[in-house]
Structure formats: structure tokens, C-alpha cells
Amino acid sequence: MNGQEKKETAAAPGKRWDVSFETRCQGMDLGIEDQYHAISYPIYQTATFSHREAGDTEGYHYTRAHNPTRQQLESIVADLENGTAALAFASGMAAIGALMELFSPGDHVIIDADLYGGSGRLFNTISKKNGVTFTIADLSAQSPEALFTPATKAVYLETPTNPMMHVTDIAALSKITREKNALLIVDNTFLSPYFQNPLDLGADVVVHSATKYLGGHHDTIGGFLVVKEKKLEEKLRYISMTVGSALSPFDCWLTMRGIRTLAVRMERAEKNAIEIANWLQKSPHVKKVIYPGIPSHPGYEVMKRQSRGFGAMISFEVESKEFALSVLRNVELFYFAESLGGTVTLITYPVTQTHAEVPEDLREKNGINDRLLRLSVGIEGVQDLIGELDRVFALAAGQ
């Protein structure tokens, strides 16, 4: 087994019992109980809270700063990521935007070359405008040690990356960031806390787009920052309260509902993805399959050490642009749509969707070309999904 192998029981901060991850997904945070002991935690859909008299409160004043439903969700996510605190935001990008407010003009951040296009857009426009500088590096293939300057405050990465599935050794990188007194920030959206816990490997901040696997049903947008250091939590809560980017109570409730099925969804989606990746490798129309669960993937051994699974995201390159466009035009059983991580399978065209605003030279260097497709594998019957791919490939080949 690997370095983060599944455990029958796991210590959970604030819980009365030590229970498995699957049980923790059921929202068993007994430190925060509704007064009526509701099993489905209530939606406190209120903007403000009344007080009996000055200095006499229940701990809540205004939902922009604090809300019981959001606090319940944050406690659950912090527990699943083995952190001390989680902060819920209105979107994944709102979470990253708040995170970047930690830095001041003149600060320097090292970022991975292959990132979600929205993250790059934020860094290249808003953050640069605010005086933060960036150095791009392929963190899966090179040590960033020589890139540090006295102004370097953080290293930011995804692993696996979006969409090229590069894998970075988090534990090895964390040794460098600690020596350099810099934050290590890891976007864990693709694997979710079910398959990977970056804080356990030395990361300082974990980022999630809760829109994806945590919510899991394509029906809400949200984001998280998870930390294990109290001072960092306090800074981020002050930023969230000040800029007003916290997640609404109803969206918190939807995300909690999604987390209840996180474990079973991740298991089924990964099982489907492995079968589909193997099928794609045999197709004469597919020139390259990029999935970290394939033993030939460069990051396969690292994944085995630092994660408990390989996830359900597959990128693959077909024979031509025309072939790719035909596939997108003819899919019926799953959807040609942006996003990922839900119950249904989505196919995405990164060059015009998720990574459209990445500079063309960087896209090409990273392999994001007009023949690349990205598949977020859902929980449908796998033979149905393979049959759909077979059908649309046959249509594309016949044109």
C-alpha cells in the first residue's frame, strides 16, 4: 500500500469517536449541534442575528462574518483534510482571490506551469496589478530551489494538474519551502480529500473548488481554503469577512449534502476512469492518454506514495482537430460542458474553454492543443460510457 493508505479508523478533530473517512463524510461533527438535533443540519438563511443586550450573543452577529450552517460545513471539511480550520468561499476563484490577499506589493510567488486557466488569469491580471510577481516552473519535473529570491513567499501548484495531469511530490517540495520559509499551497480539487491530504504531506494551505467533487452534483458553486496554522486562519478569516466572499448558507447546505456521498462517488468514478483509460489506450484514434493511474505515467509512483487513488480525470489527444470537434458535436450520453467532479460524465475542450485565456505559447508548450480533450468521468455504467465513446469515435472517423 502507499504512504496515505486507507485506514479503518482515523482520528478526527473535535469528534467523540474515531471513525473511518466514509463515516466522517456523513457530517458527524458532534461539536456543533443544532438545538433540535436535526440530522440534516439546518440552513440558517439569515443576514443578521439579534442580541439580548450588549455583550450577550450566541456567537453570531452577521452572516458575512459567521453563520452556523457555514461553520458546520467548514468544520467537516477541515476534518476531512486533517486541518485545524477550513474557510468556505463563494467559489474556488473567490478562495484563491482571498488567498492572494495575503501577499503585498513586491512579494514573489512560484507557480506551476500547468494550472487551471482561471487561476492563471487571476495571477496575470489582478495579482500582478497589485504588485505580486510570479515565476512559472514545471514543478513536477524540476526543483524550484534555484528560483527562490528573498521576496519569495509561496509556491502554488495543483497535483495532478489541470489538464495535463502532471504529478508533483508534495513531501519533497515541502522540505524546500520550509527551508525557504515560504508557504506551500496545493490545489487538491482533482483528487478531493478522499484520495489525497496535502496537509499531511507538508503543505500549508489546501485549495478546493467545492463546485467539483465536494459538492459533486453540478448544482452549486463554492470554494475552500484549509489550513493547520492558527495565525494563517485568522488572517484569512479577516480577509474573507472584509471582502465579503464567504459562501452563502444555502450553498453550504448543498455542499454538505454532496459530501455525504463523496466516498462512494469517488470510488465509482475512479473505477470507471481506469476502465475508460485502458480502453482509450487501445483506440487507433487516440494518440496519447494522460491518466496518472496508468503505470507508464511519469507520476505514477509518486501518486502511489502520496495518494490513496488516482482520481477520475482523464485527458487524451485524438488524431486531429476535426476529429475532436466531431466528438464534441456528437456526444449524447454525457455532456460537452465545462467543470468536472459531478455524478455525470463531462467532456471539455481545454483550448477554448478552461484554458482559453492561457497564452498560446504556454498552452502549446504544455501540450494543450486543438486535439486535446478532457474527460471528467462520472458514476454511470462504465460500459455505457465506453459505448458512447466508441459511437462518437466511429462517427468522427467516418467524416
Protein backbone atom coordinates (compact mmCIF):
# COMPACT_ATOMS: atom_id res chain seq x y z
CA MET A 1 0.00 0.00 0.00
CA ASN A 2 1.02 3.64 -0.37
CA GLY A 3 2.02 6.36 2.07
CA GLN A 4 -1.57 7.53 2.56
CA GLU A 5 -3.26 4.13 2.54
CA LYS A 6 -6.87 3.93 3.66
CA LYS A 7 -7.33 3.39 7.36
CA GLU A 8 -10.16 1.62 9.08
CA THR A 9 -10.28 4.42 11.63
CA ALA A 10 -8.86 7.92 11.69
CA ALA A 11 -8.58 10.46 14.43
CA ALA A 12 -10.95 13.31 13.68
CA PRO A 13 -10.51 16.70 15.37
CA GLY A 14 -13.49 17.60 17.54
CA LYS A 15 -15.23 14.22 17.20
CA ARG A 16 -16.43 11.98 20.02
CA TRP A 17 -15.36 8.82 18.18
CA ASP A 18 -12.53 7.86 15.88
CA VAL A 19 -14.27 6.75 12.70
CA SER A 20 -13.49 5.99 9.06
CA PHE A 21 -13.37 8.61 6.32
CA GLU A 22 -16.61 7.23 4.90
CA THR A 23 -18.37 7.82 8.21
CA ARG A 24 -16.84 11.27 8.59
CA CYS A 25 -18.41 12.18 5.23
CA GLN A 26 -21.81 11.86 6.88
CA GLY A 27 -21.24 15.15 8.69
CA MET A 28 -20.74 13.70 12.15
CA ASP A 29 -19.30 16.85 13.67
CA LEU A 30 -20.77 16.47 17.10
CA GLY A 31 -19.06 19.61 18.35
CA ILE A 32 -21.72 21.75 16.66
CA GLU A 33 -25.24 20.55 17.33
CA ASP A 34 -28.49 22.09 16.19
CA GLN A 35 -30.76 22.89 19.14
CA TYR A 36 -33.37 20.44 17.79
CA HIS A 37 -30.80 17.75 16.91
CA ALA A 38 -31.71 17.77 13.22
CA ILE A 39 -29.96 15.03 11.25
CA SER A 40 -29.84 17.24 8.17
CA TYR A 41 -28.17 20.32 9.55
CA PRO A 42 -30.45 23.39 9.17
CA ILE A 43 -29.97 26.22 6.72
CA TYR A 44 -29.67 29.38 8.78
CA GLN A 45 -30.85 31.61 5.95
CA THR A 46 -30.43 34.91 7.75
CA ALA A 47 -28.39 38.01 7.11
CA THR A 48 -28.09 39.02 10.75
CA PHE A 49 -28.63 37.79 14.31
CA SER A 50 -30.35 39.55 17.21
CA HIS A 51 -28.85 40.05 20.66
CA ARG A 52 -30.49 40.18 24.08
CA GLU A 53 -28.28 43.02 25.25
CA ALA A 54 -24.83 44.45 24.66
CA GLY A 55 -22.21 41.75 25.05
CA ASP A 56 -24.76 38.92 25.24
CA THR A 57 -24.72 36.93 21.97
CA GLU A 58 -24.82 33.35 20.73
CA GLY A 59 -21.52 33.93 18.94
CA TYR A 60 -23.05 35.11 15.65
CA HIS A 61 -23.55 38.68 14.51
CA TYR A 62 -23.70 38.93 10.71
CA THR A 63 -23.61 36.16 8.11
CA ARG A 64 -20.84 37.79 6.08
CA ALA A 65 -18.57 37.01 9.04
CA HIS A 66 -20.15 33.98 10.73
CA ASN A 67 -23.09 31.65 10.12
CA PRO A 68 -23.92 28.34 11.85
CA THR A 69 -24.50 26.45 8.59
CA ARG A 70 -21.21 27.62 7.16
CA GLN A 71 -19.41 26.85 10.42
CA GLN A 72 -20.79 23.31 10.32
CA LEU A 73 -19.57 22.80 6.74
CA GLU A 74 -16.17 24.31 7.46
CA SER A 75 -15.67 22.02 10.44
CA ILE A 76 -16.50 18.97 8.30
CA VAL A 77 -14.10 19.95 5.50
CA ALA A 78 -11.30 20.78 7.94
CA ASP A 79 -11.76 17.35 9.45
CA LEU A 80 -11.68 15.57 6.06
CA GLU A 81 -8.45 17.36 5.12
CA ASN A 82 -6.91 16.81 8.57
CA GLY A 83 -6.63 20.55 9.04
CA THR A 84 -7.41 22.74 12.02
CA ALA A 85 -9.67 25.10 10.06
CA ALA A 86 -11.41 25.47 6.72
CA LEU A 87 -12.92 28.60 5.21
CA ALA A 88 -15.79 28.36 2.72
CA PHE A 89 -15.95 30.86 -0.16
CA ALA A 90 -18.44 31.76 -2.85
CA SER A 91 -16.35 29.96 -5.50
CA GLY A 92 -12.99 28.33 -5.97
CA MET A 93 -11.73 31.53 -7.55
CA ALA A 94 -13.03 33.56 -4.59
CA ALA A 95 -10.97 31.29 -2.34
CA ILE A 96 -7.83 31.78 -4.43
CA GLY A 97 -8.51 35.52 -4.65
CA ALA A 98 -8.71 35.77 -0.86
CA LEU A 99 -5.54 33.71 -0.56
CA MET A 100 -3.63 36.12 -2.79
CA GLU A 101 -4.58 38.96 -0.45
CA LEU A 102 -2.02 37.52 1.96
CA PHE A 103 0.70 38.96 -0.27
CA SER A 104 1.94 42.53 -0.58
CA PRO A 105 3.44 44.53 -3.47
CA GLY A 106 6.90 43.17 -4.18
CA ASP A 107 6.17 39.66 -2.93
CA HIS A 108 7.14 36.79 -5.23
CA VAL A 109 5.27 33.51 -5.81
CA ILE A 110 6.46 30.46 -7.74
CA ILE A 111 3.60 28.82 -9.66
CA ASP A 112 3.31 25.61 -11.63
CA ALA A 113 3.33 25.91 -15.41
CA ASP A 114 0.16 23.82 -15.79
CA LEU A 115 -2.70 25.36 -13.84
CA TYR A 116 -6.41 25.90 -14.32
CA GLY A 117 -6.80 28.84 -16.70
CA GLY A 118 -8.84 30.87 -14.22
CA SER A 119 -6.02 30.74 -11.69
CA GLY A 120 -3.58 31.99 -14.29
CA ARG A 121 -5.98 34.77 -15.26
CA LEU A 122 -6.17 35.92 -11.65
CA PHE A 123 -2.41 35.84 -11.20
CA ASN A 124 -1.66 37.58 -14.51
CA THR A 125 -4.19 40.38 -14.09
CA ILE A 126 -5.38 41.13 -10.57
CA SER A 127 -2.38 39.86 -8.61
CA LYS A 128 0.22 41.40 -10.93
CA LYS A 129 -1.70 44.67 -10.85
CA ASN A 130 -1.40 44.52 -7.06
CA GLY A 131 2.38 44.22 -7.31
CA VAL A 132 2.86 40.47 -6.79
CA THR A 133 5.41 38.87 -9.13
CA PHE A 134 5.42 35.29 -10.40
CA THR A 135 7.85 32.74 -11.76
CA ILE A 136 6.49 29.80 -13.76
CA ALA A 137 8.08 26.35 -13.44
CA ASP A 138 7.20 22.74 -14.18
CA LEU A 139 7.18 21.64 -10.56
CA SER A 140 6.62 18.00 -11.49
CA ALA A 141 9.93 17.88 -13.35
CA GLN A 142 12.27 20.37 -11.68
CA SER A 143 13.17 21.56 -8.23
CA PRO A 144 12.22 25.22 -7.77
CA GLU A 145 15.02 25.81 -5.27
CA ALA A 146 17.07 27.98 -7.65
CA LEU A 147 14.01 30.13 -8.37
CA PHE A 148 13.62 31.41 -4.82
CA THR A 149 14.51 35.02 -4.09
CA PRO A 150 14.47 36.92 -0.80
CA ALA A 151 10.95 38.07 -1.80
CA THR A 152 9.53 34.57 -2.40
CA LYS A 153 6.57 33.99 -0.11
CA ALA A 154 4.89 30.91 -1.56
CA VAL A 155 4.85 28.06 -4.05
CA TYR A 156 1.48 27.32 -5.68
CA LEU A 157 0.59 24.14 -7.54
CA GLU A 158 -2.01 21.57 -8.48
CA THR A 159 -1.28 17.86 -8.36
CA PRO A 160 -2.44 16.29 -10.58
CA THR A 161 -2.51 19.39 -12.77
CA ASN A 162 -5.34 20.62 -14.95
CA PRO A 163 -5.46 19.41 -17.70
CA MET A 164 -2.12 17.64 -18.30
CA MET A 165 -2.17 15.53 -15.11
CA HIS A 166 1.39 16.33 -14.02
CA VAL A 167 2.17 14.97 -10.56
CA THR A 168 4.40 16.77 -8.06
CA ASP A 169 5.96 15.17 -5.00
CA ILE A 170 4.37 17.26 -2.23
CA ALA A 171 6.52 15.94 0.60
CA ALA A 172 9.75 16.60 -1.28
CA LEU A 173 8.65 20.09 -2.24
CA SER A 174 7.57 20.88 1.31
CA LYS A 175 11.12 20.31 2.56
CA ILE A 176 12.29 23.08 0.24
CA THR A 177 9.52 25.54 1.13
CA ARG A 178 10.13 25.03 4.84
CA GLU A 179 13.83 25.69 4.45
CA LYS A 180 12.98 28.84 2.50
CA ASN A 181 10.27 29.92 4.98
CA ALA A 182 7.65 30.01 2.21
CA LEU A 183 4.08 28.74 2.12
CA LEU A 184 3.30 25.61 0.13
CA ILE A 185 -0.16 25.92 -1.42
CA VAL A 186 -1.72 22.85 -3.06
CA ASP A 187 -4.94 22.78 -5.07
CA ASN A 188 -6.44 19.37 -4.23
CA THR A 189 -9.60 19.70 -6.34
CA PHE A 190 -8.88 16.82 -8.73
CA LEU A 191 -8.42 14.17 -6.02
CA SER A 192 -10.54 15.53 -3.14
CA PRO A 193 -9.67 14.72 0.48
CA TYR A 194 -10.88 11.18 -0.15
CA PHE A 195 -7.82 10.35 -2.23
CA GLN A 196 -5.22 12.86 -1.01
CA ASN A 197 -4.44 15.03 2.04
CA PRO A 198 -1.71 17.56 1.16
CA LEU A 199 -1.51 18.95 4.71
CA ASP A 200 -0.30 15.54 5.90
CA LEU A 201 2.46 15.75 3.29
CA GLY A 202 3.74 19.16 4.41
CA ALA A 203 1.51 21.65 2.60
CA ASP A 204 0.44 24.80 4.47
CA VAL A 205 -2.75 25.60 2.56
CA VAL A 206 -5.10 23.34 0.61
CA VAL A 207 -7.36 24.83 -2.05
CA HIS A 208 -10.61 23.30 -3.30
CA SER A 209 -13.19 24.23 -5.83
CA ALA A 210 -16.16 22.82 -3.93
CA THR A 211 -18.13 23.10 -7.16
CA LYS A 212 -16.39 19.90 -8.19
CA TYR A 213 -16.10 16.69 -6.16
CA LEU A 214 -17.09 18.07 -2.75
CA GLY A 215 -20.45 19.37 -3.99
CA GLY A 216 -20.50 16.64 -6.58
CA HIS A 217 -23.86 17.22 -8.28
CA HIS A 218 -23.31 20.15 -10.69
CA ASP A 219 -25.76 22.27 -8.70
CA THR A 220 -23.72 24.69 -6.60
CA ILE A 221 -20.54 26.74 -6.73
CA GLY A 222 -18.12 27.10 -3.83
CA GLY A 223 -14.50 27.04 -2.73
CA PHE A 224 -12.35 26.24 0.30
CA LEU A 225 -9.07 27.10 1.89
CA VAL A 226 -7.92 24.60 4.53
CA VAL A 227 -5.05 25.34 6.92
CA LYS A 228 -3.44 23.91 10.02
CA GLU A 229 -1.89 27.07 11.49
CA LYS A 230 -3.98 29.37 13.67
CA LYS A 231 -2.37 32.68 12.63
CA LEU A 232 -2.92 31.85 8.97
CA GLU A 233 -6.56 31.03 9.67
CA GLU A 234 -7.04 34.36 11.45
CA LYS A 235 -5.56 36.32 8.54
CA LEU A 236 -7.74 34.53 6.01
CA ARG A 237 -10.91 34.95 8.08
CA TYR A 238 -10.24 38.67 8.34
CA ILE A 239 -9.81 38.86 4.57
CA SER A 240 -12.98 36.85 3.93
CA MET A 241 -15.04 38.99 6.29
CA THR A 242 -13.60 42.22 4.87
CA VAL A 243 -14.10 41.49 1.18
CA GLY A 244 -17.36 39.60 1.70
CA SER A 245 -16.53 36.44 -0.25
CA ALA A 246 -17.92 33.78 2.10
CA LEU A 247 -20.23 31.02 0.90
CA SER A 248 -23.98 31.51 1.38
CA PRO A 249 -25.90 29.34 3.87
CA PHE A 250 -27.93 27.53 1.21
CA ASP A 251 -24.84 26.70 -0.85
CA CYS A 252 -23.15 25.49 2.33
CA TRP A 253 -26.05 23.11 2.88
CA LEU A 254 -25.88 21.83 -0.71
CA THR A 255 -22.18 21.18 -0.29
CA MET A 256 -22.74 19.31 2.97
CA ARG A 257 -25.33 17.19 1.21
CA GLY A 258 -22.82 16.46 -1.56
CA ILE A 259 -20.11 15.43 0.88
CA ARG A 260 -22.35 12.71 2.29
CA THR A 261 -21.80 10.74 -0.94
CA LEU A 262 -18.19 11.81 -1.57
CA ALA A 263 -16.59 8.45 -0.74
CA VAL A 264 -18.93 6.32 -2.82
CA ARG A 265 -18.82 8.74 -5.76
CA MET A 266 -15.03 8.87 -5.79
CA GLU A 267 -14.73 5.09 -5.65
CA ARG A 268 -17.18 4.54 -8.52
CA ALA A 269 -15.85 7.36 -10.70
CA GLU A 270 -12.25 6.20 -10.30
CA LYS A 271 -13.19 2.61 -11.13
CA ASN A 272 -14.92 3.85 -14.30
CA ALA A 273 -11.96 6.06 -15.18
CA ILE A 274 -9.46 3.21 -15.01
CA GLU A 275 -11.55 1.11 -17.41
CA ILE A 276 -12.02 4.03 -19.79
CA ALA A 277 -8.32 4.92 -19.74
CA ASN A 278 -7.45 1.34 -20.63
CA TRP A 279 -9.99 1.38 -23.48
CA LEU A 280 -8.69 4.69 -24.82
CA GLN A 281 -5.16 3.30 -24.93
CA LYS A 282 -6.34 0.64 -27.38
CA SER A 283 -8.18 3.03 -29.71
CA PRO A 284 -6.44 3.73 -33.04
CA HIS A 285 -7.91 7.24 -32.97
CA VAL A 286 -6.22 8.22 -29.68
CA LYS A 287 -2.59 9.30 -29.87
CA LYS A 288 -1.99 9.87 -26.16
CA VAL A 289 -3.81 9.02 -22.92
CA ILE A 290 -2.88 11.10 -19.87
CA TYR A 291 -4.09 9.49 -16.65
CA PRO A 292 -1.94 9.10 -13.52
CA GLY A 293 -3.39 5.64 -12.86
CA ILE A 294 -1.57 4.22 -15.91
CA PRO A 295 1.74 2.65 -14.81
CA SER A 296 3.57 4.35 -17.69
CA HIS A 297 2.53 7.80 -16.44
CA PRO A 298 5.62 9.70 -15.17
CA GLY A 299 3.89 10.47 -11.88
CA TYR A 300 2.51 7.00 -11.22
CA GLU A 301 4.97 6.05 -8.48
CA VAL A 302 4.65 9.45 -6.78
CA MET A 303 0.87 9.06 -6.80
CA LYS A 304 1.18 5.65 -5.17
CA ARG A 305 3.25 7.19 -2.37
CA GLN A 306 1.22 10.30 -1.65
CA SER A 307 -2.37 9.46 -2.54
CA ARG A 308 -4.90 6.71 -1.97
CA GLY A 309 -6.15 6.65 -5.55
CA PHE A 310 -5.74 8.18 -8.99
CA GLY A 311 -8.99 10.10 -9.42
CA ALA A 312 -11.41 10.24 -12.32
CA MET A 313 -9.93 12.89 -14.62
CA ILE A 314 -8.52 11.79 -18.00
CA SER A 315 -7.02 13.91 -20.76
CA PHE A 316 -6.42 12.40 -24.17
CA GLU A 317 -5.24 13.56 -27.56
CA VAL A 318 -7.04 12.42 -30.71
CA GLU A 319 -5.80 12.29 -34.28
CA SER A 320 -6.92 15.75 -35.46
CA LYS A 321 -8.75 18.93 -34.57
CA GLU A 322 -11.62 17.89 -36.83
CA PHE A 323 -11.89 14.57 -35.01
CA ALA A 324 -12.02 16.33 -31.63
CA LEU A 325 -14.71 18.77 -32.78
CA SER A 326 -16.80 15.92 -34.17
CA VAL A 327 -16.63 14.09 -30.85
CA LEU A 328 -17.80 17.20 -29.02
CA ARG A 329 -20.60 17.77 -31.51
CA ASN A 330 -22.00 14.24 -31.32
CA VAL A 331 -21.88 13.23 -27.64
CA GLU A 332 -25.30 12.45 -26.19
CA LEU A 333 -24.93 10.20 -23.15
CA PHE A 334 -22.56 12.64 -21.47
CA TYR A 335 -22.20 16.38 -21.83
CA PHE A 336 -19.90 18.79 -23.66
CA ALA A 337 -19.52 21.23 -20.78
CA GLU A 338 -17.01 22.95 -18.55
CA SER A 339 -16.47 21.90 -14.94
CA LEU A 340 -15.82 18.46 -13.51
CA GLY A 341 -16.31 16.23 -10.50
CA GLY A 342 -20.06 15.59 -10.62
CA THR A 343 -22.14 12.47 -10.94
CA VAL A 344 -22.43 12.71 -14.73
CA THR A 345 -19.58 12.50 -17.24
CA LEU A 346 -18.44 15.76 -18.83
CA ILE A 347 -16.14 16.25 -21.81
CA THR A 348 -14.26 19.54 -22.13
CA TYR A 349 -12.19 21.21 -24.86
CA PRO A 350 -9.49 22.98 -22.83
CA VAL A 351 -8.11 25.06 -25.69
CA THR A 352 -11.37 27.05 -25.98
CA GLN A 353 -12.87 26.52 -22.53
CA THR A 354 -10.93 26.09 -19.29
CA HIS A 355 -7.60 27.32 -20.73
CA ALA A 356 -8.72 29.77 -23.41
CA GLU A 357 -7.01 32.71 -21.69
CA VAL A 358 -3.70 30.94 -21.16
CA PRO A 359 -1.13 32.50 -23.54
CA GLU A 360 -0.94 30.41 -26.71
CA ASP A 361 2.80 29.79 -26.42
CA LEU A 362 2.38 28.42 -22.88
CA ARG A 363 -0.60 26.31 -23.95
CA GLU A 364 1.39 24.76 -26.77
CA LYS A 365 4.41 24.21 -24.53
CA ASN A 366 2.20 22.41 -22.01
CA GLY A 367 0.59 20.27 -24.72
CA ILE A 368 -2.82 21.95 -24.60
CA ASN A 369 -3.54 21.82 -28.33
CA ASP A 370 -6.64 21.64 -30.52
CA ARG A 371 -6.58 17.82 -30.42
CA LEU A 372 -6.75 17.56 -26.61
CA LEU A 373 -9.95 16.54 -24.83
CA ARG A 374 -10.52 16.29 -21.08
CA LEU A 375 -12.94 13.81 -19.57
CA SER A 376 -14.45 14.08 -16.09
CA VAL A 377 -15.70 10.55 -15.58
CA GLY A 378 -18.96 10.19 -13.70
CA ILE A 379 -20.72 7.32 -11.96
CA GLU A 380 -22.78 5.97 -14.86
CA GLY A 381 -22.46 2.39 -16.07
CA VAL A 382 -18.95 2.16 -17.47
CA GLN A 383 -19.94 0.03 -20.46
CA ASP A 384 -22.45 2.71 -21.41
CA LEU A 385 -19.70 5.34 -21.31
CA ILE A 386 -17.32 3.20 -23.35
CA GLY A 387 -20.12 2.50 -25.82
CA GLU A 388 -20.72 6.23 -26.19
CA LEU A 389 -17.05 6.88 -26.87
CA ASP A 390 -17.00 4.05 -29.39
CA ARG A 391 -20.03 5.52 -31.16
CA VAL A 392 -18.74 9.10 -31.39
CA PHE A 393 -15.28 7.93 -32.42
CA ALA A 394 -16.86 5.91 -35.26
CA LEU A 395 -18.85 8.98 -36.37
CA ALA A 396 -15.74 11.17 -36.27
CA ALA A 397 -13.69 8.61 -38.22
CA GLY A 398 -16.38 8.34 -40.89
CA GLN A 399 -16.47 12.03 -41.74
